[in-house]
Amino acid sequence: MRRFLAFVLILGSILGLVVYGPIEARQAAATPTPAPTATPAKLATPKPQVKQGQDGPTKAELEVWRITNQQRKAHGLAELAWSNELWCAARRHSEDMAAKGYFEHISLDGRTVRERAYECGYRGDVSENIGKNITLLGGLGLRPEAIVDGWMHSPGHKENLLYPDWKEIGIGYAAGGVWGYYTQDFGSGR
């Protein structure tokens, strides 16, 4: 078993994609959880328009959004609207994983996707996909097509991405060491 796991990790590194399962998807939409009682620290409000570059989503983040919506349309589902609040939560989580070298849905300080989204001003139900691409070989693993393809070939990620009750999305990307970290946060709307 240990050899098999080592083989899978090596193969994932060679292929440039590691994905980790979605959380809080169907249960969150079926049974809304009350918002945290503690008031989060005052955070800068994300800009309401979708804008590429330093003050907004990157080209790669917007491309993952576009490809995600292509997949949803191909399966007869509505496209997801961009949410700056979910983008804020997703980007911050990707940046935190990249800076601290971990790959988990729960932040090292114990925050969940729901808490991170709440801190960024999102009040609907949420779920999350995360993915990790190797950035060696000229960054070949950073292609948005590769990350969405990986999620579509993982049953849990695919179910999350194609969940019909999601209305909004935010995608975050950050690089750290030899890895690129993608976070895809889904929301039910407010």
N, C-alpha and C. Protein backbone atom coordinates (compact mmCIF):
# COMPACT_ATOMS: atom_id res chain seq x y z
N MET A 1 0.82 -1.19 0.00
CA MET A 1 0.00 0.00 0.00
C MET A 1 0.87 1.26 0.00
N ARG A 2 1.93 1.24 0.80
CA ARG A 2 2.81 2.41 0.88
C ARG A 2 3.45 2.69 -0.48
N ARG A 3 3.85 1.63 -1.19
CA ARG A 3 4.44 1.81 -2.53
C ARG A 3 3.41 2.40 -3.49
N PHE A 4 2.18 1.93 -3.39
CA PHE A 4 1.13 2.45 -4.26
C PHE A 4 0.92 3.94 -4.02
N LEU A 5 0.83 4.36 -2.75
CA LEU A 5 0.66 5.78 -2.43
C LEU A 5 1.83 6.61 -2.93
N ALA A 6 3.04 6.09 -2.78
CA ALA A 6 4.22 6.81 -3.29
C ALA A 6 4.13 6.94 -4.80
N PHE A 7 3.69 5.88 -5.48
CA PHE A 7 3.54 5.91 -6.93
C PHE A 7 2.52 6.97 -7.35
N VAL A 8 1.40 7.02 -6.65
CA VAL A 8 0.35 8.00 -6.97
C VAL A 8 0.87 9.42 -6.77
N LEU A 9 1.59 9.68 -5.70
CA LEU A 9 2.13 11.01 -5.46
C LEU A 9 3.15 11.39 -6.52
N ILE A 10 4.01 10.46 -6.88
CA ILE A 10 5.00 10.74 -7.92
C ILE A 10 4.31 10.97 -9.25
N LEU A 11 3.36 10.13 -9.59
CA LEU A 11 2.63 10.29 -10.84
C LEU A 11 1.90 11.63 -10.86
N GLY A 12 1.27 12.00 -9.75
CA GLY A 12 0.59 13.29 -9.68
C GLY A 12 1.55 14.44 -9.89
N SER A 13 2.74 14.34 -9.33
CA SER A 13 3.73 15.39 -9.51
C SER A 13 4.18 15.47 -10.97
N ILE A 14 4.37 14.32 -11.58
CA ILE A 14 4.79 14.30 -12.98
C ILE A 14 3.70 14.88 -13.86
N LEU A 15 2.48 14.50 -13.62
CA LEU A 15 1.37 15.00 -14.43
C LEU A 15 1.05 16.45 -14.10
N GLY A 16 1.48 16.90 -12.94
CA GLY A 16 1.30 18.30 -12.58
C GLY A 16 -0.04 18.64 -11.99
N LEU A 17 -0.72 17.67 -11.41
CA LEU A 17 -2.02 17.98 -10.84
C LEU A 17 -2.29 17.10 -9.65
N VAL A 18 -2.64 17.70 -8.56
CA VAL A 18 -3.11 16.99 -7.38
C VAL A 18 -4.42 17.66 -7.01
N VAL A 19 -5.44 16.88 -6.77
CA VAL A 19 -6.71 17.46 -6.36
C VAL A 19 -7.11 16.89 -5.02
N TYR A 20 -7.90 17.62 -4.31
CA TYR A 20 -8.35 17.21 -2.99
C TYR A 20 -9.85 17.39 -2.95
N GLY A 21 -10.52 16.53 -2.26
CA GLY A 21 -11.98 16.46 -2.30
C GLY A 21 -12.72 17.71 -1.86
N PRO A 22 -13.94 17.88 -2.40
CA PRO A 22 -14.79 19.01 -2.03
C PRO A 22 -15.37 18.81 -0.64
N ILE A 23 -15.76 19.89 -0.03
CA ILE A 23 -16.37 19.79 1.30
C ILE A 23 -17.66 20.59 1.35
N GLU A 24 -18.49 20.24 2.31
CA GLU A 24 -19.70 20.98 2.66
C GLU A 24 -20.61 21.27 1.47
N ALA A 25 -20.65 20.42 0.48
CA ALA A 25 -21.40 20.74 -0.73
C ALA A 25 -22.90 20.52 -0.55
N ARG A 26 -23.33 19.31 -0.73
CA ARG A 26 -24.75 19.04 -0.74
C ARG A 26 -25.40 19.30 0.61
N GLN A 27 -24.73 18.95 1.71
CA GLN A 27 -25.34 19.18 3.01
C GLN A 27 -25.53 20.67 3.26
N ALA A 28 -24.58 21.49 2.84
CA ALA A 28 -24.69 22.93 3.09
C ALA A 28 -25.89 23.52 2.38
N ALA A 29 -26.13 23.09 1.16
CA ALA A 29 -27.26 23.64 0.41
C ALA A 29 -28.58 23.11 0.96
N ALA A 30 -28.59 21.85 1.40
CA ALA A 30 -29.81 21.25 1.90
C ALA A 30 -30.18 21.77 3.29
N THR A 31 -29.18 22.01 4.12
CA THR A 31 -29.40 22.47 5.48
C THR A 31 -28.53 23.67 5.76
N PRO A 32 -29.05 24.87 5.54
CA PRO A 32 -28.23 26.06 5.77
C PRO A 32 -27.74 26.14 7.21
N THR A 33 -26.49 26.51 7.35
CA THR A 33 -25.88 26.68 8.66
C THR A 33 -25.94 28.16 9.02
N PRO A 34 -26.32 28.49 10.24
CA PRO A 34 -26.34 29.90 10.61
C PRO A 34 -24.96 30.51 10.48
N ALA A 35 -24.92 31.79 10.17
CA ALA A 35 -23.65 32.50 10.05
C ALA A 35 -22.94 32.49 11.39
N PRO A 36 -21.60 32.53 11.38
CA PRO A 36 -20.87 32.56 12.65
C PRO A 36 -21.35 33.72 13.50
N THR A 37 -21.37 33.50 14.82
CA THR A 37 -21.86 34.54 15.72
C THR A 37 -20.84 35.63 15.95
N ALA A 38 -19.56 35.28 15.87
CA ALA A 38 -18.53 36.30 16.07
C ALA A 38 -18.48 37.21 14.85
N THR A 39 -18.33 38.49 15.08
CA THR A 39 -18.21 39.45 14.00
C THR A 39 -16.78 39.43 13.49
N PRO A 40 -16.57 39.13 12.19
CA PRO A 40 -15.21 39.09 11.68
C PRO A 40 -14.60 40.48 11.66
N ALA A 41 -13.27 40.50 11.64
CA ALA A 41 -12.55 41.78 11.57
C ALA A 41 -12.97 42.52 10.31
N LYS A 42 -12.95 43.84 10.35
CA LYS A 42 -13.31 44.68 9.20
C LYS A 42 -12.31 44.42 8.07
N LEU A 43 -12.82 44.03 6.92
CA LEU A 43 -11.99 43.75 5.76
C LEU A 43 -12.33 44.71 4.64
N ALA A 44 -11.38 44.94 3.78
CA ALA A 44 -11.64 45.79 2.62
C ALA A 44 -12.72 45.13 1.77
N THR A 45 -13.64 45.90 1.27
CA THR A 45 -14.69 45.39 0.42
C THR A 45 -14.16 45.19 -0.99
N PRO A 46 -14.31 43.96 -1.54
CA PRO A 46 -13.85 43.74 -2.91
C PRO A 46 -14.61 44.63 -3.89
N LYS A 47 -13.98 44.98 -4.98
CA LYS A 47 -14.61 45.82 -6.00
C LYS A 47 -15.76 45.04 -6.64
N PRO A 48 -16.88 45.71 -6.95
CA PRO A 48 -18.05 44.99 -7.46
C PRO A 48 -17.91 44.50 -8.90
N GLN A 49 -17.07 45.08 -9.71
CA GLN A 49 -16.95 44.65 -11.10
C GLN A 49 -15.84 43.61 -11.25
N VAL A 50 -15.96 42.78 -12.29
CA VAL A 50 -14.92 41.81 -12.62
C VAL A 50 -13.85 42.57 -13.38
N LYS A 51 -12.68 42.64 -12.82
CA LYS A 51 -11.59 43.39 -13.43
C LYS A 51 -10.32 42.55 -13.35
N GLN A 52 -9.65 42.39 -14.46
CA GLN A 52 -8.43 41.59 -14.51
C GLN A 52 -7.24 42.43 -14.07
N GLY A 53 -6.31 41.81 -13.36
CA GLY A 53 -5.08 42.49 -12.99
C GLY A 53 -4.88 42.61 -11.50
N GLN A 54 -4.09 43.59 -11.11
CA GLN A 54 -3.65 43.73 -9.73
C GLN A 54 -4.80 43.87 -8.73
N ASP A 55 -5.83 44.63 -9.06
CA ASP A 55 -6.92 44.86 -8.12
C ASP A 55 -8.10 43.92 -8.33
N GLY A 56 -7.93 42.90 -9.12
CA GLY A 56 -9.03 41.99 -9.40
C GLY A 56 -8.51 40.63 -9.81
N PRO A 57 -9.41 39.80 -10.29
CA PRO A 57 -9.03 38.45 -10.69
C PRO A 57 -7.96 38.44 -11.78
N THR A 58 -7.12 37.43 -11.74
CA THR A 58 -6.10 37.26 -12.78
C THR A 58 -6.71 36.61 -14.01
N LYS A 59 -5.97 36.63 -15.08
CA LYS A 59 -6.42 35.98 -16.31
C LYS A 59 -6.67 34.49 -16.07
N ALA A 60 -5.79 33.84 -15.31
CA ALA A 60 -5.95 32.41 -15.03
C ALA A 60 -7.21 32.14 -14.21
N GLU A 61 -7.48 32.97 -13.22
CA GLU A 61 -8.69 32.79 -12.40
C GLU A 61 -9.95 32.95 -13.25
N LEU A 62 -9.96 33.97 -14.11
CA LEU A 62 -11.12 34.17 -14.98
C LEU A 62 -11.26 33.05 -16.00
N GLU A 63 -10.14 32.48 -16.43
CA GLU A 63 -10.19 31.37 -17.39
C GLU A 63 -10.77 30.12 -16.72
N VAL A 64 -10.42 29.86 -15.47
CA VAL A 64 -11.01 28.73 -14.75
C VAL A 64 -12.52 28.94 -14.63
N TRP A 65 -12.95 30.17 -14.38
CA TRP A 65 -14.39 30.49 -14.32
C TRP A 65 -15.05 30.18 -15.66
N ARG A 66 -14.43 30.64 -16.75
CA ARG A 66 -14.99 30.42 -18.09
C ARG A 66 -15.11 28.92 -18.39
N ILE A 67 -14.07 28.16 -18.11
CA ILE A 67 -14.07 26.72 -18.39
C ILE A 67 -15.06 25.99 -17.49
N THR A 68 -15.16 26.42 -16.25
CA THR A 68 -16.15 25.83 -15.34
C THR A 68 -17.55 26.04 -15.89
N ASN A 69 -17.84 27.24 -16.36
CA ASN A 69 -19.17 27.50 -16.93
C ASN A 69 -19.40 26.72 -18.22
N GLN A 70 -18.36 26.51 -19.01
CA GLN A 70 -18.49 25.66 -20.20
C GLN A 70 -18.92 24.25 -19.79
N GLN A 71 -18.29 23.73 -18.76
CA GLN A 71 -18.63 22.38 -18.28
C GLN A 71 -20.07 22.33 -17.78
N ARG A 72 -20.48 23.34 -17.05
CA ARG A 72 -21.85 23.37 -16.54
C ARG A 72 -22.85 23.44 -17.69
N LYS A 73 -22.59 24.29 -18.68
CA LYS A 73 -23.49 24.39 -19.84
C LYS A 73 -23.56 23.07 -20.59
N ALA A 74 -22.42 22.40 -20.74
CA ALA A 74 -22.38 21.11 -21.45
C ALA A 74 -23.21 20.05 -20.72
N HIS A 75 -23.44 20.24 -19.44
CA HIS A 75 -24.24 19.30 -18.65
C HIS A 75 -25.65 19.84 -18.37
N GLY A 76 -26.06 20.88 -19.13
CA GLY A 76 -27.41 21.40 -19.02
C GLY A 76 -27.68 22.26 -17.80
N LEU A 77 -26.62 22.80 -17.21
CA LEU A 77 -26.78 23.61 -16.00
C LEU A 77 -26.54 25.08 -16.28
N ALA A 78 -27.07 25.91 -15.42
CA ALA A 78 -26.87 27.36 -15.55
C ALA A 78 -25.42 27.73 -15.25
N GLU A 79 -24.96 28.79 -15.90
CA GLU A 79 -23.63 29.31 -15.62
C GLU A 79 -23.63 29.94 -14.24
N LEU A 80 -22.44 30.01 -13.64
CA LEU A 80 -22.28 30.63 -12.33
C LEU A 80 -21.84 32.07 -12.48
N ALA A 81 -22.48 32.96 -11.75
CA ALA A 81 -22.09 34.37 -11.75
C ALA A 81 -20.83 34.53 -10.92
N TRP A 82 -19.99 35.49 -11.28
CA TRP A 82 -18.79 35.79 -10.51
C TRP A 82 -19.18 36.50 -9.22
N SER A 83 -18.56 36.09 -8.12
CA SER A 83 -18.76 36.74 -6.83
C SER A 83 -17.41 37.25 -6.33
N ASN A 84 -17.31 38.55 -6.14
CA ASN A 84 -16.06 39.11 -5.61
C ASN A 84 -15.81 38.66 -4.18
N GLU A 85 -16.87 38.42 -3.41
CA GLU A 85 -16.70 37.94 -2.05
C GLU A 85 -16.13 36.52 -2.04
N LEU A 86 -16.64 35.66 -2.91
CA LEU A 86 -16.10 34.30 -3.00
C LEU A 86 -14.70 34.31 -3.58
N TRP A 87 -14.45 35.20 -4.53
CA TRP A 87 -13.09 35.34 -5.07
C TRP A 87 -12.12 35.74 -3.97
N CYS A 88 -12.53 36.69 -3.12
CA CYS A 88 -11.71 37.13 -1.99
C CYS A 88 -11.36 35.94 -1.11
N ALA A 89 -12.36 35.13 -0.75
CA ALA A 89 -12.12 33.96 0.11
C ALA A 89 -11.22 32.94 -0.57
N ALA A 90 -11.48 32.68 -1.85
CA ALA A 90 -10.69 31.69 -2.59
C ALA A 90 -9.25 32.16 -2.76
N ARG A 91 -9.06 33.41 -3.14
CA ARG A 91 -7.70 33.93 -3.33
C ARG A 91 -6.92 33.90 -2.03
N ARG A 92 -7.57 34.36 -0.95
CA ARG A 92 -6.88 34.38 0.35
C ARG A 92 -6.49 32.96 0.79
N HIS A 93 -7.36 31.99 0.53
CA HIS A 93 -7.03 30.61 0.93
C HIS A 93 -5.87 30.08 0.08
N SER A 94 -5.89 30.33 -1.21
CA SER A 94 -4.78 29.90 -2.07
C SER A 94 -3.48 30.56 -1.62
N GLU A 95 -3.53 31.85 -1.33
CA GLU A 95 -2.33 32.56 -0.88
C GLU A 95 -1.82 32.01 0.45
N ASP A 96 -2.75 31.68 1.35
CA ASP A 96 -2.36 31.14 2.65
C ASP A 96 -1.70 29.76 2.48
N MET A 97 -2.29 28.90 1.65
CA MET A 97 -1.69 27.57 1.42
C MET A 97 -0.31 27.72 0.78
N ALA A 98 -0.18 28.62 -0.19
CA ALA A 98 1.11 28.82 -0.87
C ALA A 98 2.16 29.35 0.10
N ALA A 99 1.78 30.31 0.93
CA ALA A 99 2.74 30.93 1.85
C ALA A 99 3.18 29.98 2.96
N LYS A 100 2.25 29.12 3.40
CA LYS A 100 2.54 28.25 4.55
C LYS A 100 2.82 26.81 4.16
N GLY A 101 2.72 26.49 2.87
CA GLY A 101 3.08 25.16 2.38
C GLY A 101 2.18 24.02 2.84
N TYR A 102 0.89 24.24 2.88
CA TYR A 102 -0.04 23.15 3.20
C TYR A 102 -1.08 23.05 2.08
N PHE A 103 -1.87 21.99 2.11
CA PHE A 103 -2.88 21.76 1.08
C PHE A 103 -4.08 21.09 1.73
N GLU A 104 -4.97 21.89 2.27
CA GLU A 104 -6.13 21.41 3.02
C GLU A 104 -7.29 22.40 2.86
N HIS A 105 -8.49 21.90 3.09
CA HIS A 105 -9.66 22.78 3.09
C HIS A 105 -9.74 23.62 4.36
N ILE A 106 -9.27 23.07 5.45
CA ILE A 106 -9.26 23.79 6.71
C ILE A 106 -7.94 24.54 6.82
N SER A 107 -8.01 25.85 7.04
CA SER A 107 -6.81 26.66 7.19
C SER A 107 -6.04 26.20 8.43
N LEU A 108 -4.76 26.48 8.47
CA LEU A 108 -3.95 26.08 9.62
C LEU A 108 -4.45 26.70 10.92
N ASP A 109 -5.15 27.83 10.82
CA ASP A 109 -5.71 28.45 12.03
C ASP A 109 -7.12 27.92 12.34
N GLY A 110 -7.56 26.89 11.60
CA GLY A 110 -8.82 26.22 11.88
C GLY A 110 -10.04 26.76 11.15
N ARG A 111 -9.89 27.76 10.29
CA ARG A 111 -11.05 28.34 9.60
C ARG A 111 -11.51 27.43 8.45
N THR A 112 -12.82 27.35 8.28
CA THR A 112 -13.43 26.58 7.19
C THR A 112 -13.73 27.50 6.01
N VAL A 113 -14.14 26.92 4.91
CA VAL A 113 -14.54 27.72 3.75
C VAL A 113 -15.68 28.67 4.12
N ARG A 114 -16.60 28.21 4.92
CA ARG A 114 -17.73 29.05 5.34
C ARG A 114 -17.24 30.27 6.12
N GLU A 115 -16.30 30.06 7.02
CA GLU A 115 -15.78 31.18 7.81
C GLU A 115 -14.97 32.15 6.95
N ARG A 116 -14.17 31.60 6.04
CA ARG A 116 -13.37 32.48 5.16
C ARG A 116 -14.29 33.30 4.26
N ALA A 117 -15.34 32.67 3.73
CA ALA A 117 -16.29 33.40 2.88
C ALA A 117 -17.01 34.48 3.69
N TYR A 118 -17.40 34.16 4.91
CA TYR A 118 -18.07 35.13 5.77
C TYR A 118 -17.17 36.34 6.03
N GLU A 119 -15.88 36.08 6.27
CA GLU A 119 -14.93 37.17 6.50
C GLU A 119 -14.84 38.11 5.30
N CYS A 120 -15.09 37.58 4.11
CA CYS A 120 -15.04 38.38 2.89
C CYS A 120 -16.41 38.96 2.52
N GLY A 121 -17.40 38.77 3.37
CA GLY A 121 -18.70 39.38 3.15
C GLY A 121 -19.75 38.48 2.51
N TYR A 122 -19.46 37.19 2.31
CA TYR A 122 -20.43 36.30 1.67
C TYR A 122 -21.34 35.69 2.72
N ARG A 123 -22.65 35.72 2.47
CA ARG A 123 -23.62 35.24 3.46
C ARG A 123 -24.41 34.01 3.02
N GLY A 124 -24.17 33.47 1.84
CA GLY A 124 -24.90 32.28 1.39
C GLY A 124 -24.17 31.01 1.79
N ASP A 125 -24.78 29.86 1.44
CA ASP A 125 -24.13 28.57 1.65
C ASP A 125 -22.97 28.44 0.68
N VAL A 126 -21.93 27.71 1.08
CA VAL A 126 -20.72 27.63 0.27
C VAL A 126 -20.17 26.20 0.26
N SER A 127 -19.32 25.95 -0.72
CA SER A 127 -18.55 24.72 -0.82
C SER A 127 -17.26 25.06 -1.55
N GLU A 128 -16.36 24.10 -1.63
CA GLU A 128 -15.03 24.41 -2.15
C GLU A 128 -14.38 23.21 -2.82
N ASN A 129 -13.67 23.49 -3.91
CA ASN A 129 -12.73 22.55 -4.52
C ASN A 129 -11.36 23.19 -4.40
N ILE A 130 -10.34 22.39 -4.12
CA ILE A 130 -8.98 22.90 -4.19
C ILE A 130 -8.17 22.00 -5.10
N GLY A 131 -7.19 22.57 -5.75
CA GLY A 131 -6.30 21.82 -6.63
C GLY A 131 -4.91 22.38 -6.53
N LYS A 132 -3.95 21.52 -6.82
CA LYS A 132 -2.55 21.91 -6.69
C LYS A 132 -1.82 21.42 -7.93
N ASN A 133 -1.16 22.35 -8.62
CA ASN A 133 -0.41 22.03 -9.83
C ASN A 133 1.06 22.27 -9.59
N ILE A 134 1.88 21.41 -10.13
CA ILE A 134 3.32 21.63 -10.04
C ILE A 134 3.69 22.71 -11.05
N THR A 135 4.58 23.61 -10.68
CA THR A 135 4.92 24.74 -11.55
C THR A 135 6.26 24.55 -12.25
N LEU A 136 6.86 23.37 -12.13
CA LEU A 136 8.11 23.12 -12.82
C LEU A 136 7.87 22.98 -14.32
N LEU A 137 8.90 22.76 -15.08
CA LEU A 137 8.80 22.56 -16.53
C LEU A 137 8.15 23.76 -17.21
N GLY A 138 8.56 24.95 -16.82
CA GLY A 138 8.05 26.15 -17.47
C GLY A 138 6.62 26.48 -17.11
N GLY A 139 6.13 25.98 -16.01
CA GLY A 139 4.78 26.30 -15.58
C GLY A 139 3.69 25.58 -16.35
N LEU A 140 4.01 24.45 -16.97
CA LEU A 140 3.02 23.72 -17.76
C LEU A 140 1.82 23.29 -16.92
N GLY A 141 2.04 23.06 -15.64
CA GLY A 141 0.95 22.63 -14.79
C GLY A 141 -0.02 23.73 -14.42
N LEU A 142 0.25 24.96 -14.78
CA LEU A 142 -0.60 26.07 -14.38
C LEU A 142 -1.79 26.29 -15.30
N ARG A 143 -1.88 25.55 -16.37
CA ARG A 143 -2.96 25.78 -17.32
C ARG A 143 -4.33 25.59 -16.66
N PRO A 144 -5.20 26.58 -16.78
CA PRO A 144 -6.54 26.44 -16.21
C PRO A 144 -7.27 25.21 -16.73
N GLU A 145 -7.04 24.84 -17.99
CA GLU A 145 -7.69 23.65 -18.55
C GLU A 145 -7.33 22.41 -17.75
N ALA A 146 -6.07 22.33 -17.31
CA ALA A 146 -5.60 21.16 -16.57
C ALA A 146 -6.28 21.05 -15.21
N ILE A 147 -6.46 22.17 -14.53
CA ILE A 147 -7.07 22.11 -13.21
C ILE A 147 -8.55 21.75 -13.31
N VAL A 148 -9.27 22.34 -14.25
CA VAL A 148 -10.70 22.01 -14.39
C VAL A 148 -10.85 20.57 -14.88
N ASP A 149 -9.99 20.13 -15.79
CA ASP A 149 -10.03 18.75 -16.26
C ASP A 149 -9.80 17.78 -15.10
N GLY A 150 -8.86 18.12 -14.22
CA GLY A 150 -8.62 17.27 -13.05
C GLY A 150 -9.84 17.19 -12.15
N TRP A 151 -10.50 18.33 -11.92
CA TRP A 151 -11.72 18.32 -11.11
C TRP A 151 -12.83 17.51 -11.78
N MET A 152 -12.93 17.61 -13.10
CA MET A 152 -13.98 16.87 -13.81
C MET A 152 -13.73 15.37 -13.83
N HIS A 153 -12.50 14.94 -13.60
CA HIS A 153 -12.18 13.52 -13.56
C HIS A 153 -12.12 12.98 -12.13
N SER A 154 -12.48 13.79 -11.18
CA SER A 154 -12.55 13.38 -9.78
C SER A 154 -14.03 13.42 -9.39
N PRO A 155 -14.63 12.27 -9.05
CA PRO A 155 -16.07 12.24 -8.80
C PRO A 155 -16.58 13.29 -7.81
N GLY A 156 -15.90 13.48 -6.70
CA GLY A 156 -16.36 14.45 -5.71
C GLY A 156 -16.28 15.89 -6.20
N HIS A 157 -15.17 16.21 -6.88
CA HIS A 157 -15.02 17.56 -7.42
C HIS A 157 -16.04 17.83 -8.52
N LYS A 158 -16.23 16.83 -9.37
CA LYS A 158 -17.18 16.98 -10.48
C LYS A 158 -18.59 17.20 -9.92
N GLU A 159 -18.97 16.43 -8.91
CA GLU A 159 -20.29 16.59 -8.31
C GLU A 159 -20.44 18.00 -7.74
N ASN A 160 -19.40 18.49 -7.11
CA ASN A 160 -19.44 19.84 -6.55
C ASN A 160 -19.55 20.89 -7.65
N LEU A 161 -18.73 20.75 -8.69
CA LEU A 161 -18.71 21.70 -9.80
C LEU A 161 -20.05 21.71 -10.54
N LEU A 162 -20.70 20.56 -10.63
CA LEU A 162 -21.96 20.45 -11.37
C LEU A 162 -23.19 20.46 -10.46
N TYR A 163 -23.03 20.83 -9.21
CA TYR A 163 -24.17 20.89 -8.30
C TYR A 163 -25.13 21.98 -8.77
N PRO A 164 -26.38 21.63 -9.05
CA PRO A 164 -27.29 22.59 -9.69
C PRO A 164 -27.70 23.78 -8.84
N ASP A 165 -27.60 23.70 -7.53
CA ASP A 165 -28.04 24.81 -6.68
C ASP A 165 -27.02 25.92 -6.51
N TRP A 166 -25.79 25.71 -6.97
CA TRP A 166 -24.81 26.80 -6.89
C TRP A 166 -25.18 27.87 -7.90
N LYS A 167 -25.06 29.11 -7.48
CA LYS A 167 -25.40 30.26 -8.32
C LYS A 167 -24.20 31.16 -8.60
N GLU A 168 -23.21 31.12 -7.70
CA GLU A 168 -22.07 32.03 -7.80
C GLU A 168 -20.76 31.28 -7.57
N ILE A 169 -19.68 31.92 -7.99
CA ILE A 169 -18.36 31.29 -7.87
C ILE A 169 -17.29 32.37 -7.71
N GLY A 170 -16.22 31.98 -7.08
CA GLY A 170 -15.00 32.78 -7.02
C GLY A 170 -13.82 31.82 -7.10
N ILE A 171 -12.82 32.16 -7.86
CA ILE A 171 -11.64 31.31 -8.03
C ILE A 171 -10.42 32.10 -7.60
N GLY A 172 -9.56 31.45 -6.82
CA GLY A 172 -8.32 32.08 -6.39
C GLY A 172 -7.13 31.23 -6.79
N TYR A 173 -6.03 31.89 -7.13
CA TYR A 173 -4.79 31.19 -7.48
C TYR A 173 -3.62 31.88 -6.79
N ALA A 174 -2.66 31.10 -6.33
CA ALA A 174 -1.40 31.63 -5.79
C ALA A 174 -0.31 30.59 -5.98
N ALA A 175 0.89 31.06 -6.23
CA ALA A 175 2.04 30.16 -6.37
C ALA A 175 2.86 30.18 -5.10
N GLY A 176 3.43 29.02 -4.78
CA GLY A 176 4.31 28.90 -3.61
C GLY A 176 5.28 27.76 -3.81
N GLY A 177 6.57 28.07 -3.85
CA GLY A 177 7.58 27.03 -4.11
C GLY A 177 7.39 26.47 -5.51
N VAL A 178 7.32 25.16 -5.62
CA VAL A 178 7.12 24.53 -6.94
C VAL A 178 5.65 24.29 -7.22
N TRP A 179 4.75 24.74 -6.33
CA TRP A 179 3.33 24.45 -6.48
C TRP A 179 2.54 25.71 -6.80
N GLY A 180 1.46 25.50 -7.55
CA GLY A 180 0.44 26.51 -7.76
C GLY A 180 -0.83 26.01 -7.10
N TYR A 181 -1.49 26.84 -6.33
CA TYR A 181 -2.67 26.44 -5.57
C TYR A 181 -3.91 27.13 -6.12
N TYR A 182 -4.89 26.33 -6.52
CA TYR A 182 -6.18 26.85 -6.98
C TYR A 182 -7.23 26.55 -5.93
N THR A 183 -8.11 27.50 -5.70
CA THR A 183 -9.28 27.31 -4.84
C THR A 183 -10.49 27.78 -5.62
N GLN A 184 -11.52 26.97 -5.63
CA GLN A 184 -12.77 27.25 -6.33
C GLN A 184 -13.86 27.25 -5.28
N ASP A 185 -14.41 28.41 -4.94
CA ASP A 185 -15.47 28.52 -3.95
C ASP A 185 -16.81 28.74 -4.63
N PHE A 186 -17.78 27.93 -4.27
CA PHE A 186 -19.12 28.00 -4.83
C PHE A 186 -20.08 28.58 -3.80
N GLY A 187 -21.10 29.29 -4.27
CA GLY A 187 -22.09 29.85 -3.36
C GLY A 187 -23.50 29.70 -3.88
N SER A 188 -24.45 29.70 -2.93
CA SER A 188 -25.87 29.51 -3.25
C SER A 188 -26.57 30.80 -3.61
N GLY A 189 -25.88 31.92 -3.52
CA GLY A 189 -26.53 33.21 -3.69
C GLY A 189 -26.95 33.71 -2.32
N ARG A 190 -27.35 34.96 -2.29
CA ARG A 190 -27.70 35.52 -0.97
C ARG A 190 -29.17 35.66 -0.76
